[in-house]
Amino acid sequence: MRFRRWDFISENRADFGVQRICRVLGTSRAGYYRYLATAQERAERRAEEKRTVAEIRAIHAEHQGA
């Protein structure tokens, strides 16, 4: 998954610090903090996508796969 580096940073920041981990991974601290700041928006978007898929599947089943 694309965001595993951010998860890694979150899991290890207490031990090593965000700055050091970002430097080793070759990524930006700003990117990491942007990821944290937009977590709620991503969760809401995923929930909406799941609802949409469920609705599409229900309509598809209702119309015998057409």
N, C-alpha and C. Protein backbone atom coordinates (compact mmCIF):
# COMPACT_ATOMS: atom_id res chain seq x y z
N MET A 1 0.84 -1.18 0.00
CA MET A 1 0.00 0.00 0.00
C MET A 1 0.88 1.25 0.00
N ARG A 2 0.37 2.24 -0.55
CA ARG A 2 1.08 3.49 -0.77
C ARG A 2 1.48 4.21 0.51
N PHE A 3 0.70 4.09 1.56
CA PHE A 3 0.93 4.89 2.76
C PHE A 3 1.65 4.13 3.87
N ARG A 4 2.22 3.01 3.57
CA ARG A 4 2.90 2.24 4.62
C ARG A 4 4.04 3.02 5.24
N ARG A 5 4.70 3.86 4.48
CA ARG A 5 5.79 4.63 5.07
C ARG A 5 5.26 5.55 6.16
N TRP A 6 4.08 6.12 5.94
CA TRP A 6 3.50 7.00 6.95
C TRP A 6 3.14 6.20 8.20
N ASP A 7 2.60 5.01 8.01
CA ASP A 7 2.28 4.15 9.15
C ASP A 7 3.56 3.78 9.90
N PHE A 8 4.61 3.49 9.16
CA PHE A 8 5.90 3.16 9.79
C PHE A 8 6.39 4.33 10.64
N ILE A 9 6.29 5.52 10.08
CA ILE A 9 6.72 6.70 10.83
C ILE A 9 5.89 6.85 12.10
N SER A 10 4.58 6.70 11.98
CA SER A 10 3.71 6.83 13.15
C SER A 10 4.06 5.81 14.23
N GLU A 11 4.34 4.59 13.81
CA GLU A 11 4.62 3.53 14.76
C GLU A 11 5.98 3.70 15.45
N ASN A 12 6.91 4.38 14.80
CA ASN A 12 8.27 4.45 15.33
C ASN A 12 8.73 5.84 15.73
N ARG A 13 7.88 6.82 15.61
CA ARG A 13 8.32 8.19 15.87
C ARG A 13 8.72 8.44 17.32
N ALA A 14 8.10 7.74 18.25
CA ALA A 14 8.47 7.93 19.65
C ALA A 14 9.90 7.47 19.92
N ASP A 15 10.33 6.44 19.22
CA ASP A 15 11.68 5.90 19.43
C ASP A 15 12.75 6.67 18.67
N PHE A 16 12.44 7.10 17.45
CA PHE A 16 13.47 7.67 16.58
C PHE A 16 13.25 9.11 16.18
N GLY A 17 12.03 9.60 16.30
CA GLY A 17 11.70 10.97 15.90
C GLY A 17 11.33 11.04 14.42
N VAL A 18 10.38 11.88 14.14
CA VAL A 18 9.87 12.03 12.78
C VAL A 18 10.97 12.51 11.83
N GLN A 19 11.72 13.49 12.26
CA GLN A 19 12.75 14.05 11.38
C GLN A 19 13.76 13.00 10.95
N ARG A 20 14.24 12.23 11.88
CA ARG A 20 15.24 11.21 11.56
C ARG A 20 14.67 10.14 10.62
N ILE A 21 13.47 9.65 10.92
CA ILE A 21 12.88 8.61 10.08
C ILE A 21 12.64 9.14 8.67
N CYS A 22 12.12 10.35 8.56
CA CYS A 22 11.87 10.93 7.24
C CYS A 22 13.18 11.07 6.46
N ARG A 23 14.22 11.47 7.13
CA ARG A 23 15.52 11.62 6.46
C ARG A 23 16.00 10.26 5.94
N VAL A 24 15.90 9.23 6.76
CA VAL A 24 16.34 7.89 6.35
C VAL A 24 15.48 7.35 5.21
N LEU A 25 14.19 7.60 5.26
CA LEU A 25 13.29 7.10 4.22
C LEU A 25 13.30 7.97 2.96
N GLY A 26 13.90 9.13 3.06
CA GLY A 26 13.94 10.03 1.91
C GLY A 26 12.60 10.66 1.60
N THR A 27 11.86 10.96 2.64
CA THR A 27 10.55 11.58 2.47
C THR A 27 10.49 12.87 3.28
N SER A 28 9.46 13.63 3.11
CA SER A 28 9.39 14.93 3.79
C SER A 28 8.54 14.85 5.05
N ARG A 29 8.93 15.64 6.02
CA ARG A 29 8.12 15.75 7.24
C ARG A 29 6.78 16.39 6.90
N ALA A 30 6.80 17.35 6.01
CA ALA A 30 5.56 18.02 5.62
C ALA A 30 4.56 17.01 5.04
N GLY A 31 5.07 16.09 4.24
CA GLY A 31 4.20 15.05 3.68
C GLY A 31 3.59 14.18 4.75
N TYR A 32 4.38 13.84 5.72
CA TYR A 32 3.89 13.02 6.83
C TYR A 32 2.81 13.76 7.61
N TYR A 33 3.08 15.01 7.95
CA TYR A 33 2.10 15.77 8.71
C TYR A 33 0.84 16.07 7.89
N ARG A 34 0.98 16.21 6.59
CA ARG A 34 -0.19 16.38 5.72
C ARG A 34 -1.03 15.10 5.74
N TYR A 35 -0.35 13.97 5.72
CA TYR A 35 -1.04 12.68 5.80
C TYR A 35 -1.85 12.59 7.10
N LEU A 36 -1.25 12.97 8.20
CA LEU A 36 -1.96 12.95 9.48
C LEU A 36 -3.16 13.90 9.48
N ALA A 37 -2.97 15.06 8.91
CA ALA A 37 -4.03 16.08 8.91
C ALA A 37 -5.23 15.68 8.06
N THR A 38 -5.01 14.85 7.06
CA THR A 38 -6.10 14.48 6.15
C THR A 38 -6.67 13.09 6.43
N ALA A 39 -6.30 12.50 7.55
CA ALA A 39 -6.75 11.14 7.88
C ALA A 39 -8.27 11.05 7.94
N GLN A 40 -8.92 12.00 8.57
CA GLN A 40 -10.38 11.97 8.70
C GLN A 40 -11.05 12.06 7.33
N GLU A 41 -10.54 12.92 6.47
CA GLU A 41 -11.12 13.06 5.13
C GLU A 41 -11.00 11.76 4.35
N ARG A 42 -9.85 11.09 4.47
CA ARG A 42 -9.66 9.82 3.76
C ARG A 42 -10.62 8.76 4.28
N ALA A 43 -10.82 8.71 5.59
CA ALA A 43 -11.73 7.75 6.18
C ALA A 43 -13.16 8.00 5.71
N GLU A 44 -13.56 9.24 5.65
CA GLU A 44 -14.91 9.58 5.17
C GLU A 44 -15.07 9.21 3.71
N ARG A 45 -14.05 9.46 2.90
CA ARG A 45 -14.11 9.12 1.48
C ARG A 45 -14.21 7.61 1.28
N ARG A 46 -13.45 6.85 2.05
CA ARG A 46 -13.52 5.38 1.95
C ARG A 46 -14.90 4.88 2.35
N ALA A 47 -15.47 5.45 3.39
CA ALA A 47 -16.81 5.05 3.83
C ALA A 47 -17.84 5.35 2.75
N GLU A 48 -17.74 6.51 2.13
CA GLU A 48 -18.66 6.88 1.05
C GLU A 48 -18.49 5.94 -0.15
N GLU A 49 -17.27 5.59 -0.48
CA GLU A 49 -17.03 4.67 -1.59
C GLU A 49 -17.63 3.30 -1.29
N LYS A 50 -17.52 2.84 -0.05
CA LYS A 50 -18.12 1.55 0.32
C LYS A 50 -19.64 1.59 0.19
N ARG A 51 -20.25 2.70 0.62
CA ARG A 51 -21.70 2.84 0.49
C ARG A 51 -22.12 2.84 -0.98
N THR A 52 -21.34 3.54 -1.81
CA THR A 52 -21.64 3.60 -3.24
C THR A 52 -21.54 2.23 -3.87
N VAL A 53 -20.50 1.49 -3.56
CA VAL A 53 -20.32 0.14 -4.11
C VAL A 53 -21.48 -0.76 -3.68
N ALA A 54 -21.87 -0.67 -2.42
CA ALA A 54 -22.99 -1.47 -1.93
C ALA A 54 -24.27 -1.14 -2.69
N GLU A 55 -24.49 0.14 -2.94
CA GLU A 55 -25.68 0.55 -3.68
C GLU A 55 -25.65 0.03 -5.11
N ILE A 56 -24.51 0.14 -5.75
CA ILE A 56 -24.36 -0.35 -7.13
C ILE A 56 -24.60 -1.86 -7.18
N ARG A 57 -24.04 -2.59 -6.22
CA ARG A 57 -24.23 -4.05 -6.21
C ARG A 57 -25.69 -4.41 -5.99
N ALA A 58 -26.37 -3.67 -5.13
CA ALA A 58 -27.78 -3.94 -4.88
C ALA A 58 -28.61 -3.69 -6.14
N ILE A 59 -28.34 -2.61 -6.83
CA ILE A 59 -29.06 -2.31 -8.08
C ILE A 59 -28.74 -3.36 -9.13
N HIS A 60 -27.49 -3.74 -9.21
CA HIS A 60 -27.07 -4.76 -10.18
C HIS A 60 -27.79 -6.08 -9.90
N ALA A 61 -27.86 -6.49 -8.64
CA ALA A 61 -28.54 -7.73 -8.29
C ALA A 61 -30.03 -7.62 -8.54
N GLU A 62 -30.60 -6.47 -8.24
CA GLU A 62 -32.03 -6.24 -8.43
C GLU A 62 -32.43 -6.38 -9.90
N HIS A 63 -31.52 -6.07 -10.77
CA HIS A 63 -31.79 -6.11 -12.21
C HIS A 63 -31.15 -7.35 -12.87
N GLN A 64 -31.00 -8.39 -12.09
CA GLN A 64 -30.47 -9.67 -12.53
C GLN A 64 -29.15 -9.52 -13.30
N GLY A 65 -28.28 -8.72 -12.80
CA GLY A 65 -26.94 -8.59 -13.37
C GLY A 65 -26.83 -7.70 -14.59
N ALA A 66 -27.88 -6.98 -14.90
CA ALA A 66 -27.83 -6.09 -16.06
C ALA A 66 -27.54 -4.68 -15.62
